[in-house]
Amino acid sequence: MLIPIHGVLSADEVQLLRERLDSAAWQDGTATAGTVARHVKRNEQLDDADPVAVELGNAIVRRLGEHPLFISAALPAKIYPPKFNRYADGGTYGAHVDSAIMQVPGTQVSVRTDLSATLFLADPEAYDGGALEIEGPFGIQPVKLAAGDMVLYPSSSLHRVTPVTRGARVAAFFWIESMVRDEGERSLLFDLDQSIQALQHTLPPDDPQILKLTGVYHNLLRRWATP
């Protein structure tokens, strides 16, 4: 399931991040690619230990912890600290699948990558190309969102970034280990939660049907979630 989440960051917040990122020390992105991926990856990234990357990544995680749609969709148990990349001058990333397990640099913490996330930090009008193409059961879905918007998608998906032929595509990207490992179960919980929230706009919060559905949601979450 591919889920766009709009307005994670405001226009002013994006501008502040971009001011920091545009003057940061970008490095060749192939340094962090795996054996297969390095042959199809051509971009720039910030070093994980760069103080700018750490500060901005922590700010993004804090914001996501307050975002109800993200919590509903991801049911996060762990979040891999956000990384930052930049594509320009033909930069691209060919078809690849993200690694199943990633270790957080400098720690003993490992993250099972159930969901991948891209937070766009450049307006689509500012660059040509640079679409995130995600392969799913209904074919290839191109994603190119407004600055401040984010997309969630299964880490098991084959995906790519098309060549950037004008301007620069700047984004944050990271991975989530969900409390609910199975994608089908997680999707059902998301649909149920969104339906309950929609009903709460038309019915009183103590309506018996809302209470019953809320109980179903939490009992399913109790059944499917892992510590």
C-alpha atoms as a PDB file:
ATOM      1  CA  MET A   1       0.000   0.000   0.000  1.00  0.00           C
ATOM      2  CA  LEU A   2       1.301   3.407  -1.029  1.00  0.00           C
ATOM      3  CA  ILE A   3       0.213   6.213   1.307  1.00  0.00           C
ATOM      4  CA  PRO A   4       0.915   9.923   0.634  1.00  0.00           C
ATOM      5  CA  ILE A   5       1.025  12.097   3.761  1.00  0.00           C
ATOM      6  CA  HIS A   6       0.616  15.760   2.945  1.00  0.00           C
ATOM      7  CA  GLY A   7       1.880  18.690   4.979  1.00  0.00           C
ATOM      8  CA  VAL A   8       4.366  16.902   7.208  1.00  0.00           C
ATOM      9  CA  LEU A   9       6.377  20.128   7.075  1.00  0.00           C
ATOM     10  CA  SER A  10       5.079  23.629   6.365  1.00  0.00           C
ATOM     11  CA  ALA A  11       6.525  25.820   3.602  1.00  0.00           C
ATOM     12  CA  ASP A  12       8.440  27.855   6.201  1.00  0.00           C
ATOM     13  CA  GLU A  13       9.859  24.708   7.779  1.00  0.00           C
ATOM     14  CA  VAL A  14      10.950  23.380   4.395  1.00  0.00           C
ATOM     15  CA  GLN A  15      12.677  26.669   3.648  1.00  0.00           C
ATOM     16  CA  LEU A  16      14.598  26.527   6.935  1.00  0.00           C
ATOM     17  CA  LEU A  17      15.685  22.953   6.245  1.00  0.00           C
ATOM     18  CA  ARG A  18      16.757  23.796   2.723  1.00  0.00           C
ATOM     19  CA  GLU A  19      18.855  26.726   3.914  1.00  0.00           C
ATOM     20  CA  ARG A  20      20.761  24.319   6.133  1.00  0.00           C
ATOM     21  CA  LEU A  21      20.985  21.565   3.541  1.00  0.00           C
ATOM     22  CA  ASP A  22      21.985  23.736   0.592  1.00  0.00           C
ATOM     23  CA  SER A  23      25.165  24.781   2.404  1.00  0.00           C
ATOM     24  CA  ALA A  24      25.918  21.327   3.812  1.00  0.00           C
ATOM     25  CA  ALA A  25      28.830  19.063   2.844  1.00  0.00           C
ATOM     26  CA  TRP A  26      27.297  16.655   0.317  1.00  0.00           C
ATOM     27  CA  GLN A  27      29.187  13.456  -0.480  1.00  0.00           C
ATOM     28  CA  ASP A  28      29.071  10.794  -3.176  1.00  0.00           C
ATOM     29  CA  GLY A  29      26.032   8.637  -2.428  1.00  0.00           C
ATOM     30  CA  THR A  30      27.613   5.412  -3.676  1.00  0.00           C
ATOM     31  CA  ALA A  31      29.651   5.252  -0.458  1.00  0.00           C
ATOM     32  CA  THR A  32      26.551   4.016   1.393  1.00  0.00           C
ATOM     33  CA  ALA A  33      25.170   1.739  -1.331  1.00  0.00           C
ATOM     34  CA  GLY A  34      25.182  -2.036  -1.090  1.00  0.00           C
ATOM     35  CA  THR A  35      27.045  -4.321  -3.477  1.00  0.00           C
ATOM     36  CA  VAL A  36      24.245  -4.370  -6.057  1.00  0.00           C
ATOM     37  CA  ALA A  37      22.864  -0.865  -5.504  1.00  0.00           C
ATOM     38  CA  ARG A  38      26.162   0.938  -5.994  1.00  0.00           C
ATOM     39  CA  HIS A  39      26.068   0.002  -9.674  1.00  0.00           C
ATOM     40  CA  VAL A  40      22.757   1.855 -10.224  1.00  0.00           C
ATOM     41  CA  LYS A  41      23.080   4.714  -7.722  1.00  0.00           C
ATOM     42  CA  ARG A  42      24.208   8.195  -8.720  1.00  0.00           C
ATOM     43  CA  ASN A  43      23.409  10.898  -6.192  1.00  0.00           C
ATOM     44  CA  GLU A  44      24.770  12.842  -3.231  1.00  0.00           C
ATOM     45  CA  GLN A  45      24.085  12.258   0.466  1.00  0.00           C
ATOM     46  CA  LEU A  46      24.974  13.793   3.790  1.00  0.00           C
ATOM     47  CA  ASP A  47      27.166  11.736   6.052  1.00  0.00           C
ATOM     48  CA  ASP A  48      25.104  10.101   8.809  1.00  0.00           C
ATOM     49  CA  ALA A  49      27.320  11.732  11.436  1.00  0.00           C
ATOM     50  CA  ASP A  50      27.089  15.216   9.921  1.00  0.00           C
ATOM     51  CA  PRO A  51      25.685  17.494  12.677  1.00  0.00           C
ATOM     52  CA  VAL A  52      23.229  19.017  10.177  1.00  0.00           C
ATOM     53  CA  ALA A  53      21.904  15.579   9.221  1.00  0.00           C
ATOM     54  CA  VAL A  54      21.548  14.535  12.883  1.00  0.00           C
ATOM     55  CA  GLU A  55      19.789  17.741  13.922  1.00  0.00           C
ATOM     56  CA  LEU A  56      17.372  17.854  11.002  1.00  0.00           C
ATOM     57  CA  GLY A  57      16.709  14.125  11.155  1.00  0.00           C
ATOM     58  CA  ASN A  58      15.789  14.356  14.834  1.00  0.00           C
ATOM     59  CA  ALA A  59      13.443  17.248  14.082  1.00  0.00           C
ATOM     60  CA  ILE A  60      11.660  15.178  11.406  1.00  0.00           C
ATOM     61  CA  VAL A  61      11.246  12.206  13.762  1.00  0.00           C
ATOM     62  CA  ARG A  62       9.786  14.465  16.453  1.00  0.00           C
ATOM     63  CA  ARG A  63       7.299  15.879  13.972  1.00  0.00           C
ATOM     64  CA  LEU A  64       6.253  12.411  12.813  1.00  0.00           C
ATOM     65  CA  GLY A  65       5.643  11.373  16.402  1.00  0.00           C
ATOM     66  CA  GLU A  66       2.900  14.012  16.499  1.00  0.00           C
ATOM     67  CA  HIS A  67       1.372  13.173  13.111  1.00  0.00           C
ATOM     68  CA  PRO A  68      -1.782  11.031  13.468  1.00  0.00           C
ATOM     69  CA  LEU A  69      -1.875   9.833   9.852  1.00  0.00           C
ATOM     70  CA  PHE A  70       1.735   8.637  10.017  1.00  0.00           C
ATOM     71  CA  ILE A  71       1.094   6.821  13.299  1.00  0.00           C
ATOM     72  CA  SER A  72      -2.072   5.235  11.892  1.00  0.00           C
ATOM     73  CA  ALA A  73      -0.381   4.084   8.691  1.00  0.00           C
ATOM     74  CA  ALA A  74       2.981   2.949  10.042  1.00  0.00           C
ATOM     75  CA  LEU A  75       2.294   1.888  13.640  1.00  0.00           C
ATOM     76  CA  PRO A  76       6.000   2.524  14.225  1.00  0.00           C
ATOM     77  CA  ALA A  77       8.085   0.495  16.657  1.00  0.00           C
ATOM     78  CA  LYS A  78      11.448   1.842  15.455  1.00  0.00           C
ATOM     79  CA  ILE A  79      12.455   4.548  12.985  1.00  0.00           C
ATOM     80  CA  TYR A  80      15.832   4.502  11.272  1.00  0.00           C
ATOM     81  CA  PRO A  81      17.261   8.037  11.583  1.00  0.00           C
ATOM     82  CA  PRO A  82      16.431  10.051   8.445  1.00  0.00           C
ATOM     83  CA  LYS A  83      19.090  10.426   5.773  1.00  0.00           C
ATOM     84  CA  PHE A  84      19.250  13.206   3.188  1.00  0.00           C
ATOM     85  CA  ASN A  85      19.974  12.925  -0.529  1.00  0.00           C
ATOM     86  CA  ARG A  86      20.318  15.219  -3.516  1.00  0.00           C
ATOM     87  CA  TYR A  87      19.908  14.400  -7.222  1.00  0.00           C
ATOM     88  CA  ALA A  88      21.143  16.805  -9.919  1.00  0.00           C
ATOM     89  CA  ASP A  89      22.941  16.807 -13.292  1.00  0.00           C
ATOM     90  CA  GLY A  90      21.492  13.492 -14.403  1.00  0.00           C
ATOM     91  CA  GLY A  91      21.527  11.971 -10.929  1.00  0.00           C
ATOM     92  CA  THR A  92      19.454   8.807 -10.688  1.00  0.00           C
ATOM     93  CA  TYR A  93      18.955   5.595  -8.710  1.00  0.00           C
ATOM     94  CA  GLY A  94      18.113   2.530 -10.727  1.00  0.00           C
ATOM     95  CA  ALA A  95      15.705  -0.224  -9.734  1.00  0.00           C
ATOM     96  CA  HIS A  96      16.502  -1.715  -6.326  1.00  0.00           C
ATOM     97  CA  VAL A  97      14.972  -3.177  -3.174  1.00  0.00           C
ATOM     98  CA  ASP A  98      15.940  -1.811   0.243  1.00  0.00           C
ATOM     99  CA  SER A  99      17.873  -4.070   2.608  1.00  0.00           C
ATOM    100  CA  ALA A 100      15.650  -6.067   4.958  1.00  0.00           C
ATOM    101  CA  ILE A 101      17.662  -5.281   8.115  1.00  0.00           C
ATOM    102  CA  MET A 102      19.620  -2.092   8.763  1.00  0.00           C
ATOM    103  CA  GLN A 103      21.820  -1.287  11.727  1.00  0.00           C
ATOM    104  CA  VAL A 104      21.698   2.264  13.043  1.00  0.00           C
ATOM    105  CA  PRO A 105      25.239   3.683  12.664  1.00  0.00           C
ATOM    106  CA  GLY A 106      27.209   3.831  15.889  1.00  0.00           C
ATOM    107  CA  THR A 107      24.713   1.694  17.818  1.00  0.00           C
ATOM    108  CA  GLN A 108      23.733  -1.929  18.392  1.00  0.00           C
ATOM    109  CA  VAL A 109      20.172  -1.160  17.258  1.00  0.00           C
ATOM    110  CA  SER A 110      18.902  -2.947  14.156  1.00  0.00           C
ATOM    111  CA  VAL A 111      15.754  -2.000  12.265  1.00  0.00           C
ATOM    112  CA  ARG A 112      13.663  -4.397  10.196  1.00  0.00           C
ATOM    113  CA  THR A 113      12.575  -2.346   7.186  1.00  0.00           C
ATOM    114  CA  ASP A 114       8.839  -2.879   6.851  1.00  0.00           C
ATOM    115  CA  LEU A 115       8.129   0.567   5.375  1.00  0.00           C
ATOM    116  CA  SER A 116      10.195   3.046   3.400  1.00  0.00           C
ATOM    117  CA  ALA A 117       9.544   6.788   3.480  1.00  0.00           C
ATOM    118  CA  THR A 118      10.561   9.696   1.264  1.00  0.00           C
ATOM    119  CA  LEU A 119       9.955  13.251   2.484  1.00  0.00           C
ATOM    120  CA  PHE A 120      10.220  15.650  -0.462  1.00  0.00           C
ATOM    121  CA  LEU A 121      12.139  18.878   0.228  1.00  0.00           C
ATOM    122  CA  ALA A 122      12.038  20.449  -3.250  1.00  0.00           C
ATOM    123  CA  ASP A 123       8.944  21.587  -5.122  1.00  0.00           C
ATOM    124  CA  PRO A 124       8.278  19.492  -8.241  1.00  0.00           C
ATOM    125  CA  GLU A 125       8.438  22.628 -10.412  1.00  0.00           C
ATOM    126  CA  ALA A 126      12.052  23.162  -9.321  1.00  0.00           C
ATOM    127  CA  TYR A 127      13.388  20.118 -11.148  1.00  0.00           C
ATOM    128  CA  ASP A 128      12.671  17.890 -14.143  1.00  0.00           C
ATOM    129  CA  GLY A 129      12.676  14.120 -13.740  1.00  0.00           C
ATOM    130  CA  GLY A 130      13.375  12.763 -10.281  1.00  0.00           C
ATOM    131  CA  ALA A 131      10.125  10.833  -9.898  1.00  0.00           C
ATOM    132  CA  LEU A 132      10.098   8.034  -7.350  1.00  0.00           C
ATOM    133  CA  GLU A 133       8.724   5.047  -9.261  1.00  0.00           C
ATOM    134  CA  ILE A 134       7.357   2.250  -7.086  1.00  0.00           C
ATOM    135  CA  GLU A 135       6.369  -1.127  -8.517  1.00  0.00           C
ATOM    136  CA  GLY A 136       3.262  -2.707  -7.012  1.00  0.00           C
ATOM    137  CA  PRO A 137       0.533  -5.193  -7.878  1.00  0.00           C
ATOM    138  CA  PHE A 138      -1.083  -2.655 -10.237  1.00  0.00           C
ATOM    139  CA  GLY A 139       2.085  -1.663 -12.066  1.00  0.00           C
ATOM    140  CA  ILE A 140       4.515   1.204 -11.648  1.00  0.00           C
ATOM    141  CA  GLN A 141       3.293   4.229  -9.685  1.00  0.00           C
ATOM    142  CA  PRO A 142       5.288   7.458 -10.142  1.00  0.00           C
ATOM    143  CA  VAL A 143       5.436   9.738  -7.087  1.00  0.00           C
ATOM    144  CA  LYS A 144       6.565  13.367  -7.172  1.00  0.00           C
ATOM    145  CA  LEU A 145       5.037  15.307  -4.299  1.00  0.00           C
ATOM    146  CA  ALA A 146       5.149  18.903  -3.111  1.00  0.00           C
ATOM    147  CA  ALA A 147       7.896  19.999  -0.741  1.00  0.00           C
ATOM    148  CA  GLY A 148       6.897  19.025   2.791  1.00  0.00           C
ATOM    149  CA  ASP A 149       4.848  16.007   1.651  1.00  0.00           C
ATOM    150  CA  MET A 150       5.882  12.408   2.280  1.00  0.00           C
ATOM    151  CA  VAL A 151       5.099   8.991   0.844  1.00  0.00           C
ATOM    152  CA  LEU A 152       5.087   5.660   2.690  1.00  0.00           C
ATOM    153  CA  TYR A 153       5.450   2.388   0.783  1.00  0.00           C
ATOM    154  CA  PRO A 154       6.473  -1.224   1.460  1.00  0.00           C
ATOM    155  CA  SER A 155      10.237  -1.648   1.685  1.00  0.00           C
ATOM    156  CA  SER A 156       9.874  -4.893  -0.232  1.00  0.00           C
ATOM    157  CA  SER A 157       8.831  -2.918  -3.330  1.00  0.00           C
ATOM    158  CA  LEU A 158      11.126  -2.594  -6.304  1.00  0.00           C
ATOM    159  CA  HIS A 159      11.621   1.164  -6.779  1.00  0.00           C
ATOM    160  CA  ARG A 160      13.796   3.712  -8.561  1.00  0.00           C
ATOM    161  CA  VAL A 161      14.416   7.460  -8.968  1.00  0.00           C
ATOM    162  CA  THR A 162      14.350   8.673 -12.573  1.00  0.00           C
ATOM    163  CA  PRO A 163      17.189  10.914 -13.828  1.00  0.00           C
ATOM    164  CA  VAL A 164      17.053  14.583 -12.831  1.00  0.00           C
ATOM    165  CA  THR A 165      17.712  16.619 -15.981  1.00  0.00           C
ATOM    166  CA  ARG A 166      17.140  20.118 -14.561  1.00  0.00           C
ATOM    167  CA  GLY A 167      17.470  21.598 -11.094  1.00  0.00           C
ATOM    168  CA  ALA A 168      17.949  19.517  -7.949  1.00  0.00           C
ATOM    169  CA  ARG A 169      15.752  17.000  -6.157  1.00  0.00           C
ATOM    170  CA  VAL A 170      16.382  17.114  -2.402  1.00  0.00           C
ATOM    171  CA  ALA A 171      14.700  14.735   0.024  1.00  0.00           C
ATOM    172  CA  ALA A 172      14.894  12.973   3.361  1.00  0.00           C
ATOM    173  CA  PHE A 173      14.448   9.215   3.400  1.00  0.00           C
ATOM    174  CA  PHE A 174      14.255   6.601   6.111  1.00  0.00           C
ATOM    175  CA  TRP A 175      12.761   3.267   7.143  1.00  0.00           C
ATOM    176  CA  ILE A 176      10.259   2.103   9.734  1.00  0.00           C
ATOM    177  CA  GLU A 177       9.938  -1.137  11.651  1.00  0.00           C
ATOM    178  CA  SER A 178       6.236  -1.485  12.347  1.00  0.00           C
ATOM    179  CA  MET A 179       4.613  -3.061  15.404  1.00  0.00           C
ATOM    180  CA  VAL A 180       2.528  -4.987  12.846  1.00  0.00           C
ATOM    181  CA  ARG A 181       4.922  -6.801  10.543  1.00  0.00           C
ATOM    182  CA  ASP A 182       2.406  -8.153   8.026  1.00  0.00           C
ATOM    183  CA  GLU A 183       1.490  -5.631   5.330  1.00  0.00           C
ATOM    184  CA  GLY A 184      -2.032  -7.010   4.858  1.00  0.00           C
ATOM    185  CA  GLU A 185      -2.823  -6.831   8.575  1.00  0.00           C
ATOM    186  CA  ARG A 186      -1.354  -3.328   8.795  1.00  0.00           C
ATOM    187  CA  SER A 187      -3.453  -2.190   5.831  1.00  0.00           C
ATOM    188  CA  LEU A 188      -6.648  -3.531   7.403  1.00  0.00           C
ATOM    189  CA  LEU A 189      -5.887  -1.728  10.656  1.00  0.00           C
ATOM    190  CA  PHE A 190      -5.202   1.506   8.771  1.00  0.00           C
ATOM    191  CA  ASP A 191      -8.487   1.312   6.854  1.00  0.00           C
ATOM    192  CA  LEU A 192     -10.409   0.539  10.054  1.00  0.00           C
ATOM    193  CA  ASP A 193      -8.755   3.383  11.958  1.00  0.00           C
ATOM    194  CA  GLN A 194      -9.438   5.869   9.173  1.00  0.00           C
ATOM    195  CA  SER A 195     -13.092   4.800   9.068  1.00  0.00           C
ATOM    196  CA  ILE A 196     -13.429   5.257  12.821  1.00  0.00           C
ATOM    197  CA  GLN A 197     -11.891   8.724  12.611  1.00  0.00           C
ATOM    198  CA  ALA A 198     -14.273   9.681   9.803  1.00  0.00           C
ATOM    199  CA  LEU A 199     -17.282   8.524  11.843  1.00  0.00           C
ATOM    200  CA  GLN A 200     -16.141  10.618  14.779  1.00  0.00           C
ATOM    201  CA  HIS A 201     -16.794  13.733  12.691  1.00  0.00           C
ATOM    202  CA  THR A 202     -20.473  12.813  12.279  1.00  0.00           C
ATOM    203  CA  LEU A 203     -21.328  10.876  15.459  1.00  0.00           C
ATOM    204  CA  PRO A 204     -20.813  11.642  19.151  1.00  0.00           C
ATOM    205  CA  PRO A 205     -17.655  10.085  20.609  1.00  0.00           C
ATOM    206  CA  ASP A 206     -19.695   7.841  22.929  1.00  0.00           C
ATOM    207  CA  ASP A 207     -21.828   6.430  20.100  1.00  0.00           C
ATOM    208  CA  PRO A 208     -22.135   2.644  20.648  1.00  0.00           C
ATOM    209  CA  GLN A 209     -21.047   1.811  17.100  1.00  0.00           C
ATOM    210  CA  ILE A 210     -17.888   3.897  17.387  1.00  0.00           C
ATOM    211  CA  LEU A 211     -17.112   2.265  20.723  1.00  0.00           C
ATOM    212  CA  LYS A 212     -17.650  -1.189  19.220  1.00  0.00           C
ATOM    213  CA  LEU A 213     -15.429  -0.483  16.183  1.00  0.00           C
ATOM    214  CA  THR A 214     -12.743   1.030  18.412  1.00  0.00           C
ATOM    215  CA  GLY A 215     -12.790  -2.165  20.462  1.00  0.00           C
ATOM    216  CA  VAL A 216     -12.427  -4.262  17.312  1.00  0.00           C
ATOM    217  CA  TYR A 217      -9.461  -2.135  16.224  1.00  0.00           C
ATOM    218  CA  HIS A 218      -7.602  -2.498  19.503  1.00  0.00           C
ATOM    219  CA  ASN A 219      -8.334  -6.207  19.797  1.00  0.00           C
ATOM    220  CA  LEU A 220      -6.931  -6.778  16.318  1.00  0.00           C
ATOM    221  CA  LEU A 221      -3.907  -4.631  17.149  1.00  0.00           C
ATOM    222  CA  ARG A 222      -3.436  -6.636  20.361  1.00  0.00           C
ATOM    223  CA  ARG A 223      -3.597  -9.859  18.334  1.00  0.00           C
ATOM    224  CA  TRP A 224      -1.227  -8.795  15.548  1.00  0.00           C
ATOM    225  CA  ALA A 225       1.278  -6.438  17.159  1.00  0.00           C
ATOM    226  CA  THR A 226       4.667  -7.671  18.322  1.00  0.00           C
ATOM    227  CA  PRO A 227       6.643  -6.041  21.157  1.00  0.00           C
END
